[in-house]
Protein backbone atom coordinates (compact mmCIF):
# COMPACT_ATOMS: atom_id res chain seq x y z
CA MET A 1 -21.83 -5.33 -38.70
CA ALA A 2 -20.66 -2.18 -36.92
CA PRO A 3 -21.41 -2.09 -33.19
CA THR A 4 -24.02 0.43 -32.05
CA VAL A 5 -23.73 2.43 -28.84
CA GLU A 6 -26.71 4.28 -27.42
CA ILE A 7 -25.76 7.35 -25.39
CA GLU A 8 -28.23 9.46 -23.44
CA ALA A 9 -27.20 12.77 -21.85
CA THR A 10 -28.70 12.76 -18.35
CA SER A 11 -27.42 16.23 -17.44
CA ALA A 12 -24.98 18.88 -18.64
CA THR A 13 -22.06 16.85 -17.22
CA THR A 14 -23.24 13.21 -17.22
CA ALA A 15 -24.35 10.65 -19.78
CA ARG A 16 -25.30 6.97 -19.83
CA ALA A 17 -23.86 4.65 -22.52
CA LYS A 18 -25.22 1.22 -23.47
CA LEU A 19 -24.17 -1.28 -26.12
CA ALA A 20 -27.25 -1.97 -28.24
CA GLY A 21 -28.35 -5.60 -28.26
CA ALA A 22 -26.00 -6.62 -25.43
CA ASP A 23 -27.16 -7.77 -22.04
CA VAL A 24 -24.68 -5.67 -20.08
CA PRO A 25 -25.30 -2.87 -17.59
CA PRO A 26 -25.01 0.72 -18.88
CA MET A 27 -21.86 2.75 -18.25
CA GLU A 28 -21.85 6.22 -16.72
CA LEU A 29 -19.78 8.94 -18.41
CA LEU A 30 -18.77 12.06 -16.49
CA ALA A 31 -17.28 15.37 -17.63
CA THR A 32 -14.14 16.59 -15.88
CA GLU A 33 -12.73 19.99 -15.04
CA ASP A 34 -10.66 20.06 -18.22
CA LYS A 35 -12.85 17.98 -20.53
CA ALA A 36 -16.45 18.69 -21.58
CA LEU A 37 -19.06 15.93 -21.70
CA SER A 38 -19.08 15.90 -25.51
CA ALA A 39 -15.31 15.37 -25.54
CA VAL A 40 -15.63 12.52 -23.00
CA VAL A 41 -18.30 10.89 -25.16
CA HIS A 42 -16.16 11.18 -28.28
CA GLU A 43 -13.11 9.73 -26.54
CA PHE A 44 -15.18 6.85 -25.17
CA VAL A 45 -16.62 5.91 -28.57
CA ARG A 46 -13.31 6.27 -30.35
CA THR A 47 -11.69 3.90 -27.83
CA ILE A 48 -14.32 1.29 -28.69
CA ALA A 49 -13.70 1.81 -32.42
CA VAL A 50 -9.93 1.40 -32.05
CA GLU A 51 -10.26 -1.77 -29.96
CA GLN A 52 -12.91 -3.29 -32.28
CA GLN A 53 -11.05 -2.11 -35.41
CA SER A 54 -14.40 -1.01 -36.79
CA ALA A 55 -16.43 2.16 -37.07
CA VAL A 56 -19.02 2.58 -34.31
CA GLU A 57 -22.60 3.73 -34.87
CA VAL A 58 -23.78 6.12 -32.15
CA VAL A 59 -27.33 7.09 -31.20
CA TYR A 60 -26.83 10.26 -29.16
CA ARG A 61 -29.90 11.51 -27.31
CA THR A 62 -30.16 14.84 -25.54
CA GLY A 63 -33.11 16.70 -24.06
CA LYS A 64 -33.71 18.41 -27.43
CA ASP A 65 -33.07 15.89 -30.18
CA THR A 66 -31.59 12.58 -31.28
CA ARG A 67 -28.52 12.44 -33.47
CA PHE A 68 -27.20 9.50 -35.49
CA LEU A 69 -23.41 9.54 -35.71
CA THR A 70 -20.57 7.35 -36.92
CA VAL A 71 -17.11 7.43 -35.36
CA GLY A 72 -14.24 5.76 -37.22
CA THR A 73 -11.04 4.28 -35.90
CA ASP A 74 -9.24 7.51 -36.79
CA GLY A 75 -11.67 9.50 -34.64
CA LYS A 76 -13.42 11.10 -37.61
CA LEU A 77 -17.09 11.82 -36.87
CA THR A 78 -19.90 11.91 -39.45
CA GLU A 79 -23.65 12.15 -39.05
CA SER A 80 -26.71 11.52 -41.19
CA ALA A 81 -28.62 14.66 -40.28
CA PRO A 82 -27.43 18.30 -40.03
CA SER A 83 -26.68 19.38 -36.48
CA VAL A 84 -23.88 20.79 -34.39
CA PRO A 85 -21.16 18.15 -34.34
CA ILE A 86 -19.59 16.80 -31.20
CA PRO A 87 -16.21 18.54 -30.70
CA VAL A 88 -13.46 16.26 -31.90
CA VAL A 89 -10.66 15.81 -29.39
CA ALA A 90 -7.31 14.58 -30.59
CA VAL A 91 -6.65 11.49 -28.52
CA GLU A 92 -3.70 9.24 -29.12
CA PRO A 93 -4.67 5.55 -29.39
CA GLN A 94 -3.89 3.74 -26.16
CA PRO A 95 -2.05 0.42 -26.43
CA ALA A 96 -3.81 -2.62 -25.06
CA ALA A 97 -0.72 -3.94 -23.31
CA ALA A 98 1.00 -2.20 -20.46
CA GLU A 99 4.38 -0.63 -21.16
CA PRO A 100 7.38 -1.05 -18.88
CA VAL A 101 7.37 1.34 -15.98
CA SER A 102 10.23 3.83 -16.12
CA ALA A 103 12.72 4.18 -13.30
CA PRO A 104 11.31 5.98 -10.25
CA PRO A 105 12.34 9.61 -9.76
CA ALA A 106 14.47 10.62 -6.82
CA GLY A 107 12.78 12.37 -3.92
CA PRO A 108 10.30 11.68 -1.15
CA VAL A 109 7.92 8.74 -1.40
CA THR A 110 4.31 9.80 -1.84
CA VAL A 111 1.75 7.44 -0.34
CA ALA A 112 -1.69 8.51 -1.54
CA ALA A 113 -4.42 7.32 -3.83
CA GLU A 114 -3.21 9.43 -6.79
CA PRO A 115 -0.45 9.80 -7.72
CA ILE A 116 1.70 7.14 -6.10
CA THR A 117 5.44 7.19 -6.66
CA TYR A 118 8.22 5.05 -5.33
CA ALA A 119 11.53 6.58 -4.31
CA MET A 120 14.19 6.44 -1.66
CA PRO A 121 16.58 9.15 -0.46
CA THR A 122 19.88 8.99 -2.27
CA ALA A 123 21.93 10.69 0.44
CA PRO A 124 23.33 8.60 3.32
CA ALA A 125 21.88 9.01 6.79
CA THR A 126 23.22 12.12 8.54
CA ALA A 127 24.66 11.61 12.00
CA LEU A 128 22.66 13.31 14.71
CA ALA A 129 23.93 15.07 17.79
CA GLY A 130 24.37 12.64 20.65
CA ASP A 131 25.00 9.56 18.48
CA THR A 132 26.47 6.64 20.32
CA GLU A 133 28.10 3.51 19.03
CA ALA A 134 25.58 0.94 17.79
CA PRO A 135 25.16 -2.37 19.62
CA THR A 136 27.05 -5.40 18.42
CA ARG A 137 23.96 -6.97 16.90
CA PRO A 138 24.72 -7.33 13.16
CA THR A 139 22.82 -5.19 10.72
CA PRO A 140 20.02 -7.16 9.04
CA THR A 141 21.01 -8.27 5.59
CA ALA A 142 19.02 -8.79 2.44
CA ALA A 143 17.41 -12.14 1.84
CA PRO A 144 19.49 -14.38 -0.45
CA ALA A 145 18.39 -14.29 -4.04
CA ARG A 146 16.17 -17.19 -5.03
CA PRO A 147 17.99 -19.46 -7.50
CA ALA A 148 16.59 -19.48 -10.98
CA ASP A 149 14.36 -22.41 -11.87
CA THR A 150 16.21 -25.01 -13.94
CA ALA A 151 14.87 -27.25 -16.65
CA THR A 152 13.83 -30.78 -15.70
CA GLY A 153 16.56 -33.34 -16.32
CA PRO A 154 20.34 -33.27 -16.41
CA ILE A 155 20.68 -30.19 -18.63
CA ARG A 156 22.70 -27.45 -16.94
CA GLY A 157 23.77 -23.97 -17.96
CA PRO A 158 21.85 -21.10 -19.57
CA GLN A 159 18.13 -21.43 -20.10
CA SER A 160 17.18 -22.97 -23.42
CA VAL A 161 16.10 -20.61 -26.18
CA LEU A 162 13.14 -22.95 -26.65
CA SER A 163 11.76 -22.08 -23.22
CA ALA A 164 8.63 -19.98 -23.15
CA PRO A 165 9.23 -16.30 -22.32
CA GLY A 166 8.54 -15.06 -18.82
CA VAL A 167 5.06 -13.89 -17.95
CA ASN A 168 4.15 -10.94 -15.74
CA PRO A 169 0.65 -11.83 -14.45
CA ALA A 170 0.11 -8.35 -13.03
CA ALA A 171 0.75 -6.69 -16.39
CA ASN A 172 -1.38 -9.10 -18.41
CA ARG A 173 -4.54 -9.26 -16.32
CA PRO A 174 -7.38 -7.16 -17.78
CA ALA A 175 -8.08 -3.83 -16.15
CA ARG A 176 -10.84 -3.78 -13.54
CA ASN A 177 -10.87 -0.07 -12.65
CA GLY A 178 -11.07 3.21 -14.51
CA MET A 179 -12.24 3.71 -18.10
CA ARG A 180 -10.57 0.52 -19.34
CA GLY A 181 -12.08 -1.55 -16.57
CA ARG A 182 -15.57 -0.28 -17.43
CA LEU A 183 -15.01 -0.98 -21.13
CA ASN A 184 -13.90 -4.53 -20.26
CA ALA A 185 -17.03 -5.08 -18.18
CA MET A 186 -19.35 -3.52 -20.73
CA LEU A 187 -17.97 -4.97 -23.98
CA GLY A 188 -16.22 -8.12 -22.78
CA LEU A 189 -12.80 -6.77 -23.76
CA THR A 190 -9.47 -7.63 -22.14
CA LEU A 191 -7.73 -4.25 -22.11
CA ALA A 192 -4.71 -4.10 -19.81
CA PRO A 193 -4.28 -1.13 -17.46
CA LYS A 194 -2.13 1.74 -18.66
CA ALA A 195 1.48 1.44 -17.52
CA ASP A 196 1.32 4.60 -15.40
CA SER A 197 -2.18 4.02 -14.01
CA LEU A 198 -3.04 3.72 -10.33
CA GLU A 199 -4.23 0.15 -10.90
CA MET A 200 -0.86 -0.93 -12.36
CA ARG A 201 1.09 0.81 -9.61
CA LEU A 202 -1.01 -0.99 -7.01
CA ARG A 203 -0.40 -4.32 -8.75
CA ASP A 204 3.34 -3.65 -8.64
CA ALA A 205 3.04 -2.80 -4.94
CA GLN A 206 1.15 -6.03 -4.23
CA ALA A 207 3.87 -8.04 -5.98
CA THR A 208 6.52 -6.29 -3.87
CA ILE A 209 4.67 -7.12 -0.64
CA ALA A 210 5.01 -10.82 -1.52
CA CYS A 211 8.80 -10.63 -2.08
CA PRO A 212 11.25 -12.75 0.00
CA LEU A 213 12.22 -11.36 3.41
CA PRO A 214 15.20 -12.04 5.69
CA ASP A 215 14.67 -14.26 8.71
CA GLY A 216 13.26 -12.40 11.69
CA ALA A 217 12.10 -9.38 9.68
CA VAL A 218 10.71 -6.66 11.98
CA ILE A 219 8.89 -3.39 11.20
CA THR A 220 8.92 -1.07 14.21
CA PHE A 221 6.45 1.81 14.70
CA VAL A 222 7.79 4.59 16.91
CA ASN A 223 7.12 8.16 17.98
CA LEU A 224 7.88 9.40 21.48
CA LYS A 225 4.62 11.36 21.48
CA GLY A 226 1.38 9.52 22.13
CA GLY A 227 -1.76 9.91 20.04
CA VAL A 228 0.02 10.25 16.70
CA GLY A 229 -1.35 7.06 15.11
CA LYS A 230 1.26 4.37 15.82
CA THR A 231 -1.27 1.78 17.00
CA PRO A 232 -3.89 2.10 14.23
CA MET A 233 -1.20 2.25 11.56
CA SER A 234 0.61 -0.84 12.83
CA ILE A 235 -2.65 -2.82 13.03
CA ALA A 236 -3.82 -1.66 9.59
CA LEU A 237 -0.44 -2.33 7.96
CA ALA A 238 -0.36 -5.87 9.39
CA GLU A 239 -3.81 -6.49 7.89
CA THR A 240 -2.69 -4.99 4.56
CA ILE A 241 0.32 -7.30 4.41
CA ALA A 242 -1.86 -10.33 5.26
CA GLU A 243 -4.33 -9.25 2.57
CA HIS A 244 -1.67 -9.29 -0.17
CA ARG A 245 1.02 -11.64 1.16
CA GLY A 246 -1.38 -14.22 2.55
CA PRO A 247 -2.99 -15.15 5.87
CA ALA A 248 -0.75 -16.07 8.82
CA THR A 249 2.27 -14.28 7.32
CA ALA A 250 2.29 -11.23 9.64
CA ALA A 251 1.96 -10.79 13.41
CA CYS A 252 1.48 -7.48 15.20
CA LEU A 253 2.97 -7.22 18.71
CA ASP A 254 1.95 -4.69 21.36
CA LEU A 255 5.11 -3.42 23.08
CA GLY A 256 3.52 -0.31 24.54
CA GLU A 257 3.29 0.65 28.17
CA ILE A 258 0.65 -0.91 30.39
CA GLY A 259 -2.80 0.54 29.79
CA GLY A 260 -2.33 1.27 26.07
CA SER A 261 -5.14 1.21 23.51
CA PHE A 262 -3.89 -1.68 21.34
CA ALA A 263 -6.52 -4.19 22.51
CA ASP A 264 -9.24 -1.54 21.99
CA ARG A 265 -8.27 -0.88 18.36
CA VAL A 266 -7.98 -4.36 16.84
CA ALA A 267 -11.06 -5.59 14.96
CA VAL A 268 -11.22 -8.85 16.93
CA PRO A 269 -10.35 -8.14 20.59
CA PRO A 270 -8.18 -10.68 22.42
CA ALA A 271 -9.84 -13.03 24.91
CA ALA A 272 -8.62 -13.57 28.45
CA GLY A 273 -5.19 -15.20 28.39
CA GLN A 274 -4.42 -14.08 24.83
CA ASP A 275 -1.60 -11.68 25.68
CA ALA A 276 2.16 -11.40 25.96
CA ALA A 277 2.18 -12.07 29.72
CA ALA A 278 0.43 -15.44 29.36
CA LEU A 279 2.53 -16.39 26.34
CA LEU A 280 5.79 -15.66 28.17
CA ALA A 281 4.66 -17.44 31.34
CA ASP A 282 3.73 -20.64 29.50
CA LEU A 283 6.10 -20.75 26.52
CA GLY A 284 8.95 -18.38 27.32
CA GLN A 285 11.26 -21.08 28.67
CA THR A 286 11.17 -23.18 25.49
CA PRO A 287 10.85 -20.76 22.52
CA GLN A 288 12.51 -23.18 20.10
CA GLN A 289 9.99 -25.95 20.83
CA VAL A 290 6.72 -24.02 20.47
CA ARG A 291 4.34 -25.64 17.99
CA PRO A 292 2.10 -23.47 15.76
CA SER A 293 -1.08 -24.98 17.23
CA THR A 294 0.12 -24.13 20.72
CA LEU A 295 1.17 -20.59 19.81
CA THR A 296 -2.20 -19.66 18.30
CA ARG A 297 -3.88 -20.12 21.69
CA TYR A 298 -2.20 -16.90 22.81
CA LEU A 299 -2.74 -14.89 19.61
CA THR A 300 -5.88 -13.40 18.07
CA ARG A 301 -6.56 -13.76 14.35
CA GLN A 302 -7.84 -10.66 12.57
CA PRO A 303 -10.28 -10.58 9.61
CA SER A 304 -7.62 -10.34 6.85
CA GLY A 305 -5.46 -13.08 8.38
CA SER A 306 -2.87 -11.28 10.49
CA TYR A 307 -2.37 -12.24 14.14
CA VAL A 308 -2.00 -9.90 17.11
CA VAL A 309 -0.37 -10.30 20.52
CA ALA A 310 -1.79 -7.96 23.14
CA GLY A 311 0.54 -6.38 25.71
CA LYS A 312 0.81 -7.06 29.45
CA ALA A 313 -2.41 -5.26 30.36
CA ASP A 314 -2.62 -6.50 33.96
CA ALA A 315 1.04 -7.10 34.70
CA ALA A 316 2.85 -5.23 37.46
CA THR A 317 5.81 -4.33 35.25
CA PRO A 318 6.12 -3.57 31.53
CA LEU A 319 7.92 -5.84 29.08
CA SER A 320 11.68 -5.93 29.49
CA PHE A 321 14.30 -6.16 26.72
CA GLN A 322 14.59 -9.92 27.33
CA ASP A 323 10.79 -10.35 27.32
CA ALA A 324 10.53 -8.62 23.94
CA ALA A 325 13.48 -10.61 22.59
CA THR A 326 11.86 -13.88 23.70
CA LEU A 327 8.55 -12.93 22.06
CA GLY A 328 10.41 -12.07 18.87
CA ALA A 329 12.29 -15.39 18.92
CA ILE A 330 9.01 -17.31 19.24
CA LEU A 331 7.05 -15.38 16.63
CA GLU A 332 9.76 -15.19 13.95
CA ARG A 333 9.73 -19.00 13.69
CA HIS A 334 6.10 -18.96 12.56
CA TYR A 335 5.55 -15.64 10.73
CA ASP A 336 7.33 -13.95 7.81
CA LEU A 337 7.08 -10.50 9.34
CA LEU A 338 6.67 -9.06 12.83
CA LEU A 339 5.23 -5.56 13.30
CA ALA A 340 6.06 -3.97 16.67
CA ASP A 341 3.85 -1.20 18.09
CA THR A 342 5.93 0.63 20.68
CA GLY A 343 5.15 2.96 23.55
CA ASN A 344 6.39 6.48 24.30
CA ALA A 345 9.39 5.74 26.54
CA SER A 346 12.71 5.34 24.72
CA HIS A 347 14.41 4.06 27.88
CA SER A 348 12.09 1.05 28.24
CA GLY A 349 13.56 -2.34 27.44
CA SER A 350 10.88 -3.28 24.89
CA TRP A 351 11.44 0.00 22.98
CA GLN A 352 15.19 -0.63 22.91
CA TRP A 353 14.67 -4.16 21.58
CA ALA A 354 12.23 -2.97 18.90
CA ILE A 355 14.85 -0.56 17.52
CA THR A 356 17.70 -3.05 17.85
CA ALA A 357 15.76 -5.74 15.97
CA ALA A 358 14.20 -3.43 13.34
CA HIS A 359 14.75 -3.99 9.63
CA THR A 360 12.50 -0.98 8.93
CA VAL A 361 11.22 1.82 11.20
CA VAL A 362 7.97 3.73 10.59
CA VAL A 363 7.43 7.10 12.31
CA PRO A 364 3.83 8.41 12.00
CA VAL A 365 3.67 12.24 12.17
CA PRO A 366 0.42 14.27 12.08
CA LEU A 367 0.73 17.76 10.59
CA ARG A 368 1.16 19.42 13.97
CA ARG A 369 4.27 21.16 15.18
CA ASP A 370 4.40 19.29 18.51
CA ALA A 371 4.19 15.95 16.67
CA ALA A 372 6.92 17.00 14.22
CA VAL A 373 9.23 18.06 17.08
CA ALA A 374 8.54 14.75 18.85
CA ALA A 375 9.38 12.91 15.64
CA GLN A 376 12.75 14.68 15.48
CA ARG A 377 13.44 13.65 19.08
CA THR A 378 12.45 10.13 18.12
CA LEU A 379 14.95 10.06 15.25
CA THR A 380 17.64 11.27 17.66
CA ALA A 381 16.73 8.48 20.08
CA ILE A 382 16.85 5.93 17.25
CA SER A 383 20.31 7.09 16.19
CA ALA A 384 21.54 6.67 19.75
CA VAL A 385 20.62 2.98 19.63
CA ARG A 386 21.34 2.20 15.96
CA PRO A 387 22.53 5.04 13.71
CA ASP A 388 22.44 2.78 10.64
CA VAL A 389 18.69 2.23 10.90
CA LEU A 390 17.94 5.84 9.91
CA ALA A 391 18.58 4.84 6.29
CA ARG A 392 15.72 2.35 6.66
CA THR A 393 13.31 4.73 8.41
CA VAL A 394 10.10 6.01 6.83
CA VAL A 395 8.34 9.10 8.21
CA VAL A 396 4.60 8.93 7.39
CA VAL A 397 2.92 12.35 7.38
CA THR A 398 -0.79 11.86 8.10
CA ASP A 399 -3.68 14.20 7.36
CA GLY A 400 -6.27 14.96 10.01
CA PRO A 401 -8.56 17.62 11.48
CA GLY A 402 -6.74 20.57 12.99
CA ASP A 403 -3.57 19.95 10.99
CA ALA A 404 -1.35 22.89 10.05
CA PRO A 405 -0.20 22.52 6.41
CA MET A 406 2.45 25.22 6.91
CA VAL A 407 4.29 22.75 9.19
CA GLU A 408 4.71 20.22 6.40
CA THR A 409 7.38 22.02 4.36
CA GLU A 410 9.69 22.58 7.33
CA ALA A 411 9.11 19.07 8.67
CA VAL A 412 9.73 17.31 5.36
CA GLU A 413 12.94 19.29 4.79
CA ALA A 414 14.17 18.43 8.29
CA PHE A 415 13.40 14.71 7.89
CA THR A 416 14.88 14.31 4.41
CA ALA A 417 18.05 16.10 5.58
CA LEU A 418 18.54 13.16 7.94
CA GLY A 419 18.36 10.68 5.05
CA VAL A 420 14.93 9.23 5.86
CA SER A 421 12.07 8.66 3.42
CA VAL A 422 8.94 10.76 3.77
CA CYS A 423 5.49 9.43 2.84
CA ARG A 424 1.97 10.85 3.01
CA MET A 425 -1.18 9.12 4.23
CA PRO A 426 -4.69 10.46 3.52
CA PHE A 427 -7.12 11.23 6.32
CA GLU A 428 -8.87 8.12 7.61
CA PRO A 429 -11.99 8.66 9.79
CA VAL A 430 -11.68 5.23 11.46
CA PHE A 431 -8.16 6.07 12.62
CA ALA A 432 -9.20 9.48 13.95
CA SER A 433 -12.40 8.35 15.69
CA GLY A 434 -10.77 5.66 17.84
CA GLU A 435 -12.86 2.84 16.33
CA ARG A 436 -11.61 -0.71 15.88
CA ILE A 437 -9.49 -1.24 12.76
CA ALA A 438 -11.08 -3.51 10.13
CA TYR A 439 -9.27 -3.41 6.78
CA SER A 440 -12.47 -3.82 4.75
CA GLN A 441 -14.06 -0.80 6.46
CA LEU A 442 -11.26 1.64 5.65
CA ARG A 443 -11.69 4.11 2.80
CA ARG A 444 -10.43 2.92 -0.55
CA GLU A 445 -7.90 5.77 -0.65
CA THR A 446 -6.55 4.59 2.72
CA ARG A 447 -6.29 0.96 1.57
CA ASP A 448 -4.42 2.04 -1.57
CA ALA A 449 -2.03 4.18 0.48
CA LEU A 450 -1.45 1.34 2.96
CA THR A 451 -0.67 -1.01 0.06
CA VAL A 452 2.03 1.34 -1.24
CA LEU A 453 3.39 1.90 2.28
CA ALA A 454 3.51 -1.87 2.86
CA ALA A 455 5.41 -2.30 -0.40
CA THR A 456 7.83 0.47 0.58
CA VAL A 457 8.70 -0.96 3.99
CA THR A 458 8.84 -4.50 2.61
CA ARG A 459 11.27 -3.41 -0.08
CA ILE A 460 13.43 -1.64 2.47
CA GLY A 461 13.32 -4.60 4.86
CA SER A 462 14.27 -7.06 2.14
CA GLY A 463 17.31 -4.98 1.27
CA ALA A 464 16.05 -4.44 -2.29
CA ALA A 465 15.51 -0.67 -2.07
CA GLY A 466 17.75 2.32 -2.32
């Protein structure tokens, strides 16, 4: 028996669809700028017919009349009573399984809800005026490739042809968002997301976030100008990584000057004694012998599972290079990834360590000329410490009130000329208002952008990009 779909037009641009005889909630259909409501309805019904391999009976109600239609798998529409037919839109059948994603185009990375692309600059980092010779610390290397799983028993050599083919869980899970996700929920189908959909790109990004990392991996957030978003972005990115990589895999360290806002922006504020000063005083002499249960007394767990270490809020002097290095040595033994939120002084010891230890550098830049100029000075300061790290630097252009879009073109051209990646981040009210950063309270567009940014910096840090 052919399935029956009841569709009621609720306005000139919206309609409600329900599968007759099924105890499932109705689905809302919405016209778009380039597609009328009637075309959306026809495309929706035809998709059901193709997936069910059966013609679909449609009861289409409007404010004037009720029409009884039949839509076949080829999209052909017939009706039992004379009336003006629904415009037929030629729509190619969509495959149920996701297709392989093509190679990413060259150019800047775009971090936004739609579209999201992945790319790295192909040109090598350009030397900046005032470059000095890099320190002797070796450049971080990519994590060793994980050996392929072997069959149980003494058999060695190539994998047996009898072995089951590999499975990509991300590509085979049914869609949860968009038109296909709503069809799955409404009709109990298992349609996979389209290969180029936002949902599939986010799944790929989540898989990248979980990839192997080198020992002591560090992501450093820098900009010599204050108030550009280093602190909220570092906190939010740590929570994003914990959300997709797993709890207790990322730690965010406050390396800013005394009196910074780090402790005022985390969702769960640190208690007395949960800071870098107390940690160094009690554990700094024996970093190799610190147990996880002991370390967590000085750290504060955040809602998504990342941990934060507040700075020396009441100390007489800021963190030195050796202090930061000791903190890094302690934390890297217990966490996959360390995110370092720096201050505004490039001559400070903690800033110098954060650049020296960095596998990836993130430079937040609001669309303001003063922030863009400060970012250029920051890149010059980075090159003076480690010229090679420019190839692993990501400039994140952020939207916000009072921004000047005309600055963006000049800024992006200047940054890409230096061989750094350029990303974009949508406006986030929680970042701009100075509120505490809770991952679940961020806008969905922001969470999606953070997921792609986390995948980008993880890929760079693992040595798998470019």
